[in-house]
């Protein structure tokens, strides 16, 4: 498989030096920014912010979680996550229960209504995206299909939390 990085083309067997990795990282970051814009345009209006929808998706993927863990995963402060979870709970999308191992700790769980909301949002996005994908050539569609496992690997590769706004300054 060939990968275009800047003006050069790499094959799967090529090794990347640090400069090439930085160039790839810059290119991937730029494309993710554009894809976030596409994602937002595909998302149906539902009264959920992207952070709220991402939090629900995290709970769906990872199961019940502490507020502090959710705040770290979603890159928000604990007070902001506490407020978000309160709104999601009022909407019936999540529930809060005492942790069986430590009654002082609250676990947040996705409700059936929260799961259904995520499923509806994904179905609308998939339908809208299918219309856009139909405009691509068969080769471009095949390239996207081949990239799906790599996209999953990239999303799963994050071992440590991302830098905070304070550490970037």
Protein backbone atom coordinates (compact mmCIF):
# COMPACT_ATOMS: atom_id res chain seq x y z
CA UNK A 1 0.00 0.00 0.00
CA UNK A 2 1.24 3.50 -0.81
CA UNK A 3 0.80 6.41 1.56
CA UNK A 4 1.21 10.00 0.50
CA UNK A 5 3.04 12.12 3.09
CA UNK A 6 3.54 15.68 1.94
CA UNK A 7 5.08 15.45 -1.51
CA UNK A 8 6.57 11.98 -1.03
CA UNK A 9 4.97 8.57 -1.37
CA UNK A 10 5.73 5.81 1.13
CA UNK A 11 5.03 2.12 0.91
CA UNK A 12 4.00 -0.10 3.82
CA UNK A 13 7.55 -1.51 4.04
CA UNK A 14 9.26 1.87 4.46
CA UNK A 15 10.49 2.88 7.87
CA UNK A 16 9.74 6.32 9.19
CA UNK A 17 12.35 8.55 10.74
CA UNK A 18 11.41 11.18 13.34
CA UNK A 19 10.95 13.90 10.70
CA UNK A 20 8.68 11.65 8.64
CA UNK A 21 6.68 10.75 11.74
CA UNK A 22 6.21 14.45 12.54
CA UNK A 23 5.12 15.13 8.95
CA UNK A 24 2.70 12.22 9.12
CA UNK A 25 1.40 13.44 12.48
CA UNK A 26 0.87 16.94 11.06
CA UNK A 27 -0.94 15.53 8.04
CA UNK A 28 -3.13 13.24 10.13
CA UNK A 29 -3.94 16.08 12.56
CA UNK A 30 -4.98 18.35 9.68
CA UNK A 31 -7.22 15.65 8.20
CA UNK A 32 -8.79 14.91 11.59
CA UNK A 33 -9.66 18.61 11.93
CA UNK A 34 -11.43 18.47 8.57
CA UNK A 35 -13.16 15.22 9.49
CA UNK A 36 -14.40 16.77 12.74
CA UNK A 37 -16.06 19.45 10.66
CA UNK A 38 -17.62 16.77 8.46
CA UNK A 39 -18.70 14.84 11.55
CA UNK A 40 -20.41 17.93 12.98
CA UNK A 41 -22.23 18.59 9.72
CA UNK A 42 -23.45 14.97 9.62
CA UNK A 43 -24.66 14.94 13.22
CA UNK A 44 -28.39 15.47 13.62
CA UNK A 45 -29.61 18.26 15.88
CA UNK A 46 -30.49 16.53 19.12
CA UNK A 47 -29.66 19.00 21.84
CA UNK A 48 -26.45 17.10 22.63
CA UNK A 49 -23.09 18.82 22.48
CA UNK A 50 -20.21 16.92 20.92
CA UNK A 51 -18.76 16.45 24.43
CA UNK A 52 -22.07 15.00 25.65
CA UNK A 53 -22.31 12.65 22.67
CA UNK A 54 -18.65 11.63 23.08
CA UNK A 55 -19.22 10.95 26.79
CA UNK A 56 -22.20 8.72 25.99
CA UNK A 57 -20.13 6.88 23.37
CA UNK A 58 -17.30 6.42 25.88
CA UNK A 59 -19.73 4.91 28.39
CA UNK A 60 -21.09 2.62 25.68
CA UNK A 61 -17.60 1.43 24.72
CA UNK A 62 -16.03 1.24 28.17
CA UNK A 63 -18.94 0.55 30.48
CA UNK A 64 -19.63 2.26 33.81
CA UNK A 65 -17.05 4.81 34.80
CA UNK A 66 -16.18 7.26 37.56
CA UNK A 67 -16.79 10.95 36.93
CA UNK A 68 -13.09 11.69 37.33
CA UNK A 69 -12.15 9.09 34.72
CA UNK A 70 -14.74 10.44 32.28
CA UNK A 71 -13.46 13.98 32.76
CA UNK A 72 -9.90 12.89 31.96
CA UNK A 73 -10.97 10.84 28.92
CA UNK A 74 -13.07 13.65 27.48
CA UNK A 75 -10.55 16.38 28.28
CA UNK A 76 -12.77 18.50 30.54
CA UNK A 77 -12.58 19.53 34.18
CA UNK A 78 -14.28 17.43 36.83
CA UNK A 79 -16.79 20.21 37.67
CA UNK A 80 -17.69 20.50 33.96
CA UNK A 81 -18.17 16.72 33.74
CA UNK A 82 -20.27 16.75 36.92
CA UNK A 83 -22.57 19.37 35.35
CA UNK A 84 -22.73 17.47 32.06
CA UNK A 85 -23.59 14.19 33.78
CA UNK A 86 -26.31 15.95 35.81
CA UNK A 87 -27.89 17.20 32.54
CA UNK A 88 -27.56 13.78 30.91
CA UNK A 89 -29.13 12.16 33.97
CA UNK A 90 -32.04 14.64 33.90
CA UNK A 91 -32.56 13.65 30.26
CA UNK A 92 -32.59 9.97 31.19
CA UNK A 93 -29.49 9.16 29.13
CA UNK A 94 -27.25 8.11 32.05
CA UNK A 95 -27.70 6.94 35.61
CA UNK A 96 -25.49 7.36 38.64
CA UNK A 97 -25.04 4.59 41.18
CA UNK A 98 -22.75 3.94 44.11
CA UNK A 99 -19.65 1.92 43.28
CA UNK A 100 -20.09 -1.58 44.78
CA UNK A 101 -16.44 -1.59 45.88
CA UNK A 102 -16.54 1.89 47.47
CA UNK A 103 -19.91 3.41 48.32
CA UNK A 104 -18.39 6.91 48.38
CA UNK A 105 -17.60 6.68 44.66
CA UNK A 106 -20.23 7.30 42.00
CA UNK A 107 -20.31 5.19 38.84
CA UNK A 108 -21.97 6.65 35.73
CA UNK A 109 -23.80 4.19 33.47
CA UNK A 110 -25.42 4.57 30.08
CA UNK A 111 -29.16 3.90 30.16
CA UNK A 112 -31.16 2.10 27.48
CA UNK A 113 -32.47 5.50 26.42
CA UNK A 114 -28.87 6.74 26.10
CA UNK A 115 -27.99 3.72 23.95
CA UNK A 116 -31.02 4.34 21.75
CA UNK A 117 -30.07 8.02 21.34
CA UNK A 118 -26.56 7.03 20.22
CA UNK A 119 -27.97 4.47 17.78
CA UNK A 120 -30.34 7.05 16.25
CA UNK A 121 -27.55 9.63 15.87
CA UNK A 122 -25.25 7.05 14.27
CA UNK A 123 -27.96 5.90 11.85
CA UNK A 124 -28.61 9.47 10.68
CA UNK A 125 -24.87 10.15 10.28
CA UNK A 126 -24.36 6.89 8.38
CA UNK A 127 -27.22 7.71 6.02
CA UNK A 128 -25.86 11.20 5.38
CA UNK A 129 -22.32 9.88 4.97
CA UNK A 130 -23.46 7.21 2.50
CA UNK A 131 -24.66 10.01 0.21
CA UNK A 132 -21.21 11.63 0.36
CA UNK A 133 -19.36 8.33 -0.09
CA UNK A 134 -21.39 7.69 -3.24
CA UNK A 135 -19.63 10.71 -4.79
CA UNK A 136 -16.21 9.06 -4.35
CA UNK A 137 -14.62 6.80 -6.91
CA UNK A 138 -14.55 3.04 -6.27
CA UNK A 139 -10.79 3.34 -5.65
CA UNK A 140 -11.32 6.06 -3.03
CA UNK A 141 -14.04 4.00 -1.37
CA UNK A 142 -11.71 0.97 -1.32
CA UNK A 143 -8.92 3.08 0.20
CA UNK A 144 -11.28 4.29 2.94
CA UNK A 145 -12.39 0.73 3.62
CA UNK A 146 -8.77 -0.44 3.85
CA UNK A 147 -7.97 2.43 6.24
CA UNK A 148 -10.69 1.52 8.78
CA UNK A 149 -8.49 -0.91 10.78
CA UNK A 150 -5.70 1.68 10.91
CA UNK A 151 -8.18 4.32 12.09
CA UNK A 152 -9.25 1.97 14.89
CA UNK A 153 -5.62 1.25 15.76
CA UNK A 154 -4.89 4.98 15.93
CA UNK A 155 -7.90 5.62 18.18
CA UNK A 156 -6.90 2.70 20.43
CA UNK A 157 -3.18 3.56 20.51
CA UNK A 158 -3.59 6.40 22.97
CA UNK A 159 -2.04 4.97 26.13
CA UNK A 160 -1.48 8.16 28.12
CA UNK A 161 -3.82 11.12 28.44
CA UNK A 162 -3.34 13.84 25.85
CA UNK A 163 -1.55 17.01 26.96
CA UNK A 164 -3.79 19.49 28.77
CA UNK A 165 -4.24 23.09 27.66
CA UNK A 166 -1.95 24.13 30.52
CA UNK A 167 0.88 21.82 29.43
CA UNK A 168 0.73 23.12 25.84
CA UNK A 169 1.15 26.77 26.88
